[in-house]
């Protein structure tokens, strides 16, 4: 009998920050941590795990340091 590994399909994650960090889901092995700019287009997908981040329409972003 063979074992089948299933990967949970992630829904979009709504965030309130301009930059998010993604390191995958440790339950399925994870991946190197990457920082993604959500503010540039209002959404971004992780190049490793395809988790999709969407900027909250009510997010208040700082425009300085």
PDB file of N, CA and C in Angstrom:
ATOM      1  N   UNK A   1       0.837  -1.165   0.000  1.00  0.00           N
ATOM      2  CA  UNK A   1       0.000   0.000   0.000  1.00  0.00           C
ATOM      3  C   UNK A   1       0.890   1.239   0.000  1.00  0.00           C
ATOM      4  N   UNK A   2       0.621   2.189  -0.893  1.00  0.00           N
ATOM      5  CA  UNK A   2       1.431   3.395  -0.953  1.00  0.00           C
ATOM      6  C   UNK A   2       0.760   4.524  -0.183  1.00  0.00           C
ATOM      7  N   UNK A   3       1.594   5.385   0.346  1.00  0.00           N
ATOM      8  CA  UNK A   3       1.086   6.527   1.101  1.00  0.00           C
ATOM      9  C   UNK A   3       1.091   7.753   0.193  1.00  0.00           C
ATOM     10  N   UNK A   4       0.006   8.513   0.229  1.00  0.00           N
ATOM     11  CA  UNK A   4      -0.109   9.713  -0.585  1.00  0.00           C
ATOM     12  C   UNK A   4       0.003  10.927   0.322  1.00  0.00           C
ATOM     13  N   UNK A   5       0.938  11.814   0.013  1.00  0.00           N
ATOM     14  CA  UNK A   5       1.070  13.053   0.768  1.00  0.00           C
ATOM     15  C   UNK A   5       0.166  14.101   0.148  1.00  0.00           C
ATOM     16  N   UNK A   6      -0.617  14.735   0.978  1.00  0.00           N
ATOM     17  CA  UNK A   6      -1.487  15.787   0.473  1.00  0.00           C
ATOM     18  C   UNK A   6      -1.005  17.122   0.993  1.00  0.00           C
ATOM     19  N   UNK A   7      -1.081  18.135   0.161  1.00  0.00           N
ATOM     20  CA  UNK A   7      -0.698  19.488   0.536  1.00  0.00           C
ATOM     21  C   UNK A   7      -1.955  20.323   0.585  1.00  0.00           C
ATOM     22  N   UNK A   8      -2.164  20.974   1.721  1.00  0.00           N
ATOM     23  CA  UNK A   8      -3.336  21.811   1.887  1.00  0.00           C
ATOM     24  C   UNK A   8      -3.214  23.037   0.992  1.00  0.00           C
ATOM     25  N   UNK A   9      -4.252  23.309   0.218  1.00  0.00           N
ATOM     26  CA  UNK A   9      -4.262  24.493  -0.631  1.00  0.00           C
ATOM     27  C   UNK A   9      -4.612  25.688   0.238  1.00  0.00           C
ATOM     28  N   UNK A  10      -3.755  26.685   0.215  1.00  0.00           N
ATOM     29  CA  UNK A  10      -3.949  27.859   1.053  1.00  0.00           C
ATOM     30  C   UNK A  10      -4.908  28.844   0.398  1.00  0.00           C
ATOM     31  N   UNK A  11      -5.746  29.422   1.214  1.00  0.00           N
ATOM     32  CA  UNK A  11      -6.604  30.510   0.773  1.00  0.00           C
ATOM     33  C   UNK A  11      -5.762  31.778   0.794  1.00  0.00           C
ATOM     34  N   UNK A  12      -6.299  32.852   0.265  1.00  0.00           N
ATOM     35  CA  UNK A  12      -5.604  34.129   0.337  1.00  0.00           C
ATOM     36  C   UNK A  12      -5.538  34.576   1.792  1.00  0.00           C
ATOM     37  N   UNK A  13      -4.400  35.144   2.157  1.00  0.00           N
ATOM     38  CA  UNK A  13      -4.189  35.652   3.500  1.00  0.00           C
ATOM     39  C   UNK A  13      -4.259  37.174   3.422  1.00  0.00           C
ATOM     40  N   UNK A  14      -5.192  37.774   4.152  1.00  0.00           N
ATOM     41  CA  UNK A  14      -5.317  39.230   4.172  1.00  0.00           C
ATOM     42  C   UNK A  14      -4.380  39.781   5.233  1.00  0.00           C
ATOM     43  N   UNK A  15      -3.560  40.769   4.839  1.00  0.00           N
ATOM     44  CA  UNK A  15      -2.570  41.347   5.747  1.00  0.00           C
ATOM     45  C   UNK A  15      -2.716  42.858   5.795  1.00  0.00           C
ATOM     46  N   UNK A  16      -2.212  43.461   6.869  1.00  0.00           N
ATOM     47  CA  UNK A  16      -2.295  44.910   7.030  1.00  0.00           C
ATOM     48  C   UNK A  16      -0.921  45.564   6.939  1.00  0.00           C
ATOM     49  N   UNK A  17       0.108  44.797   6.616  1.00  0.00           N
ATOM     50  CA  UNK A  17       1.473  45.317   6.533  1.00  0.00           C
ATOM     51  C   UNK A  17       1.926  45.374   5.079  1.00  0.00           C
ATOM     52  N   UNK A  18       2.808  46.332   4.787  1.00  0.00           N
ATOM     53  CA  UNK A  18       3.323  46.500   3.431  1.00  0.00           C
ATOM     54  C   UNK A  18       4.247  45.356   3.028  1.00  0.00           C
ATOM     55  N   UNK A  19       4.918  44.755   4.010  1.00  0.00           N
ATOM     56  CA  UNK A  19       5.848  43.658   3.757  1.00  0.00           C
ATOM     57  C   UNK A  19       5.474  42.486   4.655  1.00  0.00           C
ATOM     58  N   UNK A  20       5.488  41.291   4.089  1.00  0.00           N
ATOM     59  CA  UNK A  20       5.217  40.084   4.869  1.00  0.00           C
ATOM     60  C   UNK A  20       6.358  39.101   4.688  1.00  0.00           C
ATOM     61  N   UNK A  21       6.534  38.228   5.674  1.00  0.00           N
ATOM     62  CA  UNK A  21       7.532  37.168   5.590  1.00  0.00           C
ATOM     63  C   UNK A  21       6.801  35.847   5.420  1.00  0.00           C
ATOM     64  N   UNK A  22       7.315  34.991   4.555  1.00  0.00           N
ATOM     65  CA  UNK A  22       6.732  33.667   4.363  1.00  0.00           C
ATOM     66  C   UNK A  22       7.849  32.633   4.440  1.00  0.00           C
ATOM     67  N   UNK A  23       7.638  31.601   5.248  1.00  0.00           N
ATOM     68  CA  UNK A  23       8.600  30.506   5.314  1.00  0.00           C
ATOM     69  C   UNK A  23       7.914  29.163   5.110  1.00  0.00           C
ATOM     70  N   UNK A  24       6.752  29.201   4.491  1.00  0.00           N
ATOM     71  CA  UNK A  24       6.030  27.968   4.186  1.00  0.00           C
ATOM     72  C   UNK A  24       5.371  27.384   5.416  1.00  0.00           C
ATOM     73  N   UNK A  25       4.788  26.256   5.248  1.00  0.00           N
ATOM     74  CA  UNK A  25       4.099  25.555   6.318  1.00  0.00           C
ATOM     75  C   UNK A  25       5.000  24.428   6.793  1.00  0.00           C
ATOM     76  N   UNK A  26       5.407  24.471   8.034  1.00  0.00           N
ATOM     77  CA  UNK A  26       6.327  23.449   8.544  1.00  0.00           C
ATOM     78  C   UNK A  26       5.729  22.047   8.476  1.00  0.00           C
ATOM     79  N   UNK A  27       4.425  21.931   8.410  1.00  0.00           N
ATOM     80  CA  UNK A  27       3.798  20.615   8.308  1.00  0.00           C
ATOM     81  C   UNK A  27       4.137  19.935   6.984  1.00  0.00           C
ATOM     82  N   UNK A  28       4.457  20.743   5.968  1.00  0.00           N
ATOM     83  CA  UNK A  28       4.818  20.172   4.656  1.00  0.00           C
ATOM     84  C   UNK A  28       6.260  20.477   4.298  1.00  0.00           C
ATOM     85  N   UNK A  29       7.093  20.795   5.291  1.00  0.00           N
ATOM     86  CA  UNK A  29       8.517  20.949   5.047  1.00  0.00           C
ATOM     87  C   UNK A  29       9.032  22.372   5.049  1.00  0.00           C
ATOM     88  N   UNK A  30       8.191  23.350   4.797  1.00  0.00           N
ATOM     89  CA  UNK A  30       8.631  24.732   4.811  1.00  0.00           C
ATOM     90  C   UNK A  30       9.564  25.071   3.654  1.00  0.00           C
ATOM     91  N   UNK A  31      10.108  26.277   3.696  1.00  0.00           N
ATOM     92  CA  UNK A  31      11.058  26.745   2.686  1.00  0.00           C
ATOM     93  C   UNK A  31      11.830  27.912   3.268  1.00  0.00           C
ATOM     94  N   UNK A  32      12.887  28.387   2.598  1.00  0.00           N
ATOM     95  CA  UNK A  32      13.624  29.544   3.117  1.00  0.00           C
ATOM     96  C   UNK A  32      12.697  30.742   3.294  1.00  0.00           C
ATOM     97  N   UNK A  33      12.915  31.514   4.349  1.00  0.00           N
ATOM     98  CA  UNK A  33      12.082  32.697   4.606  1.00  0.00           C
ATOM     99  C   UNK A  33      12.356  33.753   3.542  1.00  0.00           C
ATOM    100  N   UNK A  34      11.285  34.267   2.977  1.00  0.00           N
ATOM    101  CA  UNK A  34      11.377  35.355   1.999  1.00  0.00           C
ATOM    102  C   UNK A  34      10.482  36.493   2.473  1.00  0.00           C
ATOM    103  N   UNK A  35      10.890  37.714   2.159  1.00  0.00           N
ATOM    104  CA  UNK A  35      10.104  38.897   2.495  1.00  0.00           C
ATOM    105  C   UNK A  35       9.479  39.410   1.207  1.00  0.00           C
ATOM    106  N   UNK A  36       8.175  39.626   1.248  1.00  0.00           N
ATOM    107  CA  UNK A  36       7.421  39.983   0.054  1.00  0.00           C
ATOM    108  C   UNK A  36       6.765  41.342   0.217  1.00  0.00           C
ATOM    109  N   UNK A  37       6.828  42.164  -0.834  1.00  0.00           N
ATOM    110  CA  UNK A  37       6.227  43.499  -0.822  1.00  0.00           C
ATOM    111  C   UNK A  37       4.783  43.382  -1.302  1.00  0.00           C
ATOM    112  N   UNK A  38       3.852  43.537  -0.372  1.00  0.00           N
ATOM    113  CA  UNK A  38       2.436  43.444  -0.701  1.00  0.00           C
ATOM    114  C   UNK A  38       1.912  44.792  -1.204  1.00  0.00           C
ATOM    115  N   UNK A  39       2.483  45.882  -0.706  1.00  0.00           N
ATOM    116  CA  UNK A  39       1.982  47.221  -1.002  1.00  0.00           C
ATOM    117  C   UNK A  39       2.136  47.619  -2.469  1.00  0.00           C
ATOM    118  N   UNK A  40       3.140  47.119  -3.138  1.00  0.00           N
ATOM    119  CA  UNK A  40       3.414  47.538  -4.518  1.00  0.00           C
ATOM    120  C   UNK A  40       2.221  47.306  -5.442  1.00  0.00           C
ATOM    121  N   UNK A  41       1.599  46.145  -5.364  1.00  0.00           N
ATOM    122  CA  UNK A  41       0.466  45.819  -6.242  1.00  0.00           C
ATOM    123  C   UNK A  41      -0.820  45.492  -5.471  1.00  0.00           C
ATOM    124  N   UNK A  42      -0.739  45.518  -4.145  1.00  0.00           N
ATOM    125  CA  UNK A  42      -1.909  45.194  -3.346  1.00  0.00           C
ATOM    126  C   UNK A  42      -2.073  43.704  -3.103  1.00  0.00           C
ATOM    127  N   UNK A  43      -1.224  42.909  -3.720  1.00  0.00           N
ATOM    128  CA  UNK A  43      -1.234  41.459  -3.528  1.00  0.00           C
ATOM    129  C   UNK A  43       0.076  40.885  -4.027  1.00  0.00           C
ATOM    130  N   UNK A  44       0.427  39.709  -3.533  1.00  0.00           N
ATOM    131  CA  UNK A  44       1.653  39.045  -3.951  1.00  0.00           C
ATOM    132  C   UNK A  44       1.539  37.560  -3.593  1.00  0.00           C
ATOM    133  N   UNK A  45       2.191  36.714  -4.385  1.00  0.00           N
ATOM    134  CA  UNK A  45       2.234  35.283  -4.102  1.00  0.00           C
ATOM    135  C   UNK A  45       3.664  34.873  -3.809  1.00  0.00           C
ATOM    136  N   UNK A  46       3.830  33.973  -2.868  1.00  0.00           N
ATOM    137  CA  UNK A  46       5.151  33.474  -2.510  1.00  0.00           C
ATOM    138  C   UNK A  46       5.697  32.636  -3.671  1.00  0.00           C
ATOM    139  N   UNK A  47       6.944  32.903  -4.081  1.00  0.00           N
ATOM    140  CA  UNK A  47       7.513  32.133  -5.191  1.00  0.00           C
ATOM    141  C   UNK A  47       7.815  30.675  -4.844  1.00  0.00           C
ATOM    142  N   UNK A  48       7.880  30.345  -3.554  1.00  0.00           N
ATOM    143  CA  UNK A  48       8.152  28.965  -3.142  1.00  0.00           C
ATOM    144  C   UNK A  48       6.887  28.135  -2.981  1.00  0.00           C
ATOM    145  N   UNK A  49       5.920  28.652  -2.205  1.00  0.00           N
ATOM    146  CA  UNK A  49       4.759  27.835  -1.852  1.00  0.00           C
ATOM    147  C   UNK A  49       3.452  28.335  -2.458  1.00  0.00           C
ATOM    148  N   UNK A  50       3.508  29.453  -3.159  1.00  0.00           N
ATOM    149  CA  UNK A  50       2.341  30.042  -3.827  1.00  0.00           C
ATOM    150  C   UNK A  50       1.276  30.564  -2.872  1.00  0.00           C
ATOM    151  N   UNK A  51       1.606  30.688  -1.582  1.00  0.00           N
ATOM    152  CA  UNK A  51       0.651  31.299  -0.653  1.00  0.00           C
ATOM    153  C   UNK A  51       0.398  32.722  -1.143  1.00  0.00           C
ATOM    154  N   UNK A  52      -0.863  33.112  -1.158  1.00  0.00           N
ATOM    155  CA  UNK A  52      -1.263  34.400  -1.736  1.00  0.00           C
ATOM    156  C   UNK A  52      -1.598  35.384  -0.612  1.00  0.00           C
ATOM    157  N   UNK A  53      -0.953  36.536  -0.627  1.00  0.00           N
ATOM    158  CA  UNK A  53      -1.178  37.580   0.369  1.00  0.00           C
ATOM    159  C   UNK A  53      -1.879  38.747  -0.304  1.00  0.00           C
ATOM    160  N   UNK A  54      -2.917  39.267   0.352  1.00  0.00           N
ATOM    161  CA  UNK A  54      -3.697  40.391  -0.168  1.00  0.00           C
ATOM    162  C   UNK A  54      -3.689  41.484   0.881  1.00  0.00           C
ATOM    163  N   UNK A  55      -3.391  42.709   0.470  1.00  0.00           N
ATOM    164  CA  UNK A  55      -3.371  43.839   1.384  1.00  0.00           C
ATOM    165  C   UNK A  55      -4.792  44.223   1.760  1.00  0.00           C
ATOM    166  N   UNK A  56      -5.054  44.344   3.050  1.00  0.00           N
ATOM    167  CA  UNK A  56      -6.369  44.755   3.548  1.00  0.00           C
ATOM    168  C   UNK A  56      -6.688  46.141   3.008  1.00  0.00           C
ATOM    169  N   UNK A  57      -7.886  46.320   2.503  1.00  0.00           N
ATOM    170  CA  UNK A  57      -8.262  47.600   1.892  1.00  0.00           C
ATOM    171  C   UNK A  57      -8.282  48.731   2.907  1.00  0.00           C
ATOM    172  N   UNK A  58      -8.352  48.422   4.202  1.00  0.00           N
ATOM    173  CA  UNK A  58      -8.351  49.437   5.247  1.00  0.00           C
ATOM    174  C   UNK A  58      -6.984  49.608   5.914  1.00  0.00           C
ATOM    175  N   UNK A  59      -5.947  48.984   5.370  1.00  0.00           N
ATOM    176  CA  UNK A  59      -4.607  49.062   5.956  1.00  0.00           C
ATOM    177  C   UNK A  59      -4.072  50.478   5.856  1.00  0.00           C
ATOM    178  N   UNK A  60      -3.466  50.930   6.936  1.00  0.00           N
ATOM    179  CA  UNK A  60      -2.828  52.257   6.957  1.00  0.00           C
ATOM    180  C   UNK A  60      -1.329  52.026   6.907  1.00  0.00           C
ATOM    181  N   UNK A  61      -0.727  52.363   5.789  1.00  0.00           N
ATOM    182  CA  UNK A  61       0.693  52.132   5.596  1.00  0.00           C
ATOM    183  C   UNK A  61       1.495  53.393   5.852  1.00  0.00           C
ATOM    184  N   UNK A  62       2.639  53.218   6.490  1.00  0.00           N
ATOM    185  CA  UNK A  62       3.550  54.329   6.745  1.00  0.00           C
ATOM    186  C   UNK A  62       4.365  54.578   5.475  1.00  0.00           C
ATOM    187  N   UNK A  63       4.603  55.832   5.170  1.00  0.00           N
ATOM    188  CA  UNK A  63       5.379  56.172   3.978  1.00  0.00           C
ATOM    189  C   UNK A  63       6.762  56.676   4.321  1.00  0.00           C
ATOM    190  N   UNK A  64       7.252  56.335   5.490  1.00  0.00           N
ATOM    191  CA  UNK A  64       8.586  56.759   5.907  1.00  0.00           C
ATOM    192  C   UNK A  64       9.251  55.675   6.709  1.00  0.00           C
ATOM    193  N   UNK A  65      10.382  56.006   7.286  1.00  0.00           N
ATOM    194  CA  UNK A  65      11.123  55.022   8.096  1.00  0.00           C
ATOM    195  C   UNK A  65      10.727  55.123   9.520  1.00  0.00           C
TER     196      UNK A  65
END
